[in-house]
C-alpha atoms as a PDB file:
ATOM      1  CA  UNK A   1      12.807 -62.883 -45.077  1.00  0.00           C
ATOM      2  CA  UNK A   2       9.695 -61.453 -43.445  1.00  0.00           C
ATOM      3  CA  UNK A   3      11.198 -61.642 -39.962  1.00  0.00           C
ATOM      4  CA  UNK A   4      14.037 -59.324 -41.005  1.00  0.00           C
ATOM      5  CA  UNK A   5      11.517 -56.778 -42.201  1.00  0.00           C
ATOM      6  CA  UNK A   6       9.665 -56.997 -38.886  1.00  0.00           C
ATOM      7  CA  UNK A   7      12.913 -56.740 -36.912  1.00  0.00           C
ATOM      8  CA  UNK A   8      13.952 -53.733 -38.982  1.00  0.00           C
ATOM      9  CA  UNK A   9      10.660 -51.974 -38.325  1.00  0.00           C
ATOM     10  CA  UNK A  10      10.909 -52.820 -34.619  1.00  0.00           C
ATOM     11  CA  UNK A  11      14.441 -51.432 -34.557  1.00  0.00           C
ATOM     12  CA  UNK A  12      13.356 -48.188 -36.198  1.00  0.00           C
ATOM     13  CA  UNK A  13      10.484 -47.798 -33.739  1.00  0.00           C
ATOM     14  CA  UNK A  14      12.872 -48.500 -30.857  1.00  0.00           C
ATOM     15  CA  UNK A  15      15.372 -45.886 -32.064  1.00  0.00           C
ATOM     16  CA  UNK A  16      12.573 -43.371 -32.629  1.00  0.00           C
ATOM     17  CA  UNK A  17      11.307 -43.942 -29.058  1.00  0.00           C
ATOM     18  CA  UNK A  18      14.770 -43.287 -27.615  1.00  0.00           C
ATOM     19  CA  UNK A  19      15.103 -40.151 -29.736  1.00  0.00           C
ATOM     20  CA  UNK A  20      11.742 -38.864 -28.503  1.00  0.00           C
ATOM     21  CA  UNK A  21      12.650 -39.579 -24.866  1.00  0.00           C
ATOM     22  CA  UNK A  22      15.875 -37.610 -25.336  1.00  0.00           C
ATOM     23  CA  UNK A  23      13.882 -34.653 -26.690  1.00  0.00           C
ATOM     24  CA  UNK A  24      11.398 -34.886 -23.804  1.00  0.00           C
ATOM     25  CA  UNK A  25      14.192 -34.863 -21.217  1.00  0.00           C
ATOM     26  CA  UNK A  26      15.807 -31.867 -22.902  1.00  0.00           C
ATOM     27  CA  UNK A  27      12.509 -29.979 -22.938  1.00  0.00           C
ATOM     28  CA  UNK A  28      11.919 -30.823 -19.259  1.00  0.00           C
ATOM     29  CA  UNK A  29      15.349 -29.458 -18.346  1.00  0.00           C
ATOM     30  CA  UNK A  30      14.660 -26.240 -20.262  1.00  0.00           C
ATOM     31  CA  UNK A  31      11.341 -25.884 -18.442  1.00  0.00           C
ATOM     32  CA  UNK A  32      13.065 -26.396 -15.066  1.00  0.00           C
ATOM     33  CA  UNK A  33      15.666 -23.772 -15.900  1.00  0.00           C
ATOM     34  CA  UNK A  34      13.047 -21.270 -17.054  1.00  0.00           C
ATOM     35  CA  UNK A  35      10.985 -21.793 -13.886  1.00  0.00           C
ATOM     36  CA  UNK A  36      14.111 -21.298 -11.770  1.00  0.00           C
ATOM     37  CA  UNK A  37      14.898 -18.035 -13.609  1.00  0.00           C
ATOM     38  CA  UNK A  38      11.318 -16.815 -13.162  1.00  0.00           C
ATOM     39  CA  UNK A  39      11.391 -17.696  -9.463  1.00  0.00           C
ATOM     40  CA  UNK A  40      14.699 -15.868  -8.987  1.00  0.00           C
ATOM     41  CA  UNK A  41      13.358 -12.812 -10.806  1.00  0.00           C
ATOM     42  CA  UNK A  42      10.208 -12.848  -8.675  1.00  0.00           C
ATOM     43  CA  UNK A  43      12.247 -13.110  -5.468  1.00  0.00           C
ATOM     44  CA  UNK A  44      14.459 -10.240  -6.590  1.00  0.00           C
ATOM     45  CA  UNK A  45      11.378  -8.150  -7.346  1.00  0.00           C
ATOM     46  CA  UNK A  46       9.900  -8.964  -3.931  1.00  0.00           C
ATOM     47  CA  UNK A  47      13.195  -8.053  -2.238  1.00  0.00           C
ATOM     48  CA  UNK A  48      13.244  -4.691  -4.026  1.00  0.00           C
ATOM     49  CA  UNK A  49       9.642  -4.069  -3.054  1.00  0.00           C
ATOM     50  CA  UNK A  50      10.354  -4.833   0.602  1.00  0.00           C
ATOM     51  CA  UNK A  51      13.402  -2.518   0.558  1.00  0.00           C
ATOM     52  CA  UNK A  52      11.301   0.268  -0.919  1.00  0.00           C
ATOM     53  CA  UNK A  53       8.611  -0.373   1.688  1.00  0.00           C
ATOM     54  CA  UNK A  54      11.154  -0.199   4.507  1.00  0.00           C
ATOM     55  CA  UNK A  55      12.590   3.023   3.063  1.00  0.00           C
ATOM     56  CA  UNK A  56       9.089   4.518   2.967  1.00  0.00           C
ATOM     57  CA  UNK A  57       8.530   3.544   6.605  1.00  0.00           C
ATOM     58  CA  UNK A  58      11.693   5.389   7.669  1.00  0.00           C
ATOM     59  CA  UNK A  59      10.526   8.610   6.030  1.00  0.00           C
END
């Protein structure tokens, strides 16, 4: 009887570990997406700044 209790606890821990790994992967993907958005916004800002600088040079 005791082995079934131990196996049940092991199973719950195993399922909990998989659930946590799923959450970690989801959080990592969100972080990657946010970093990509920030990088794109920074590049767009730098492009605008260089255009403004070139326009100022022409004047």
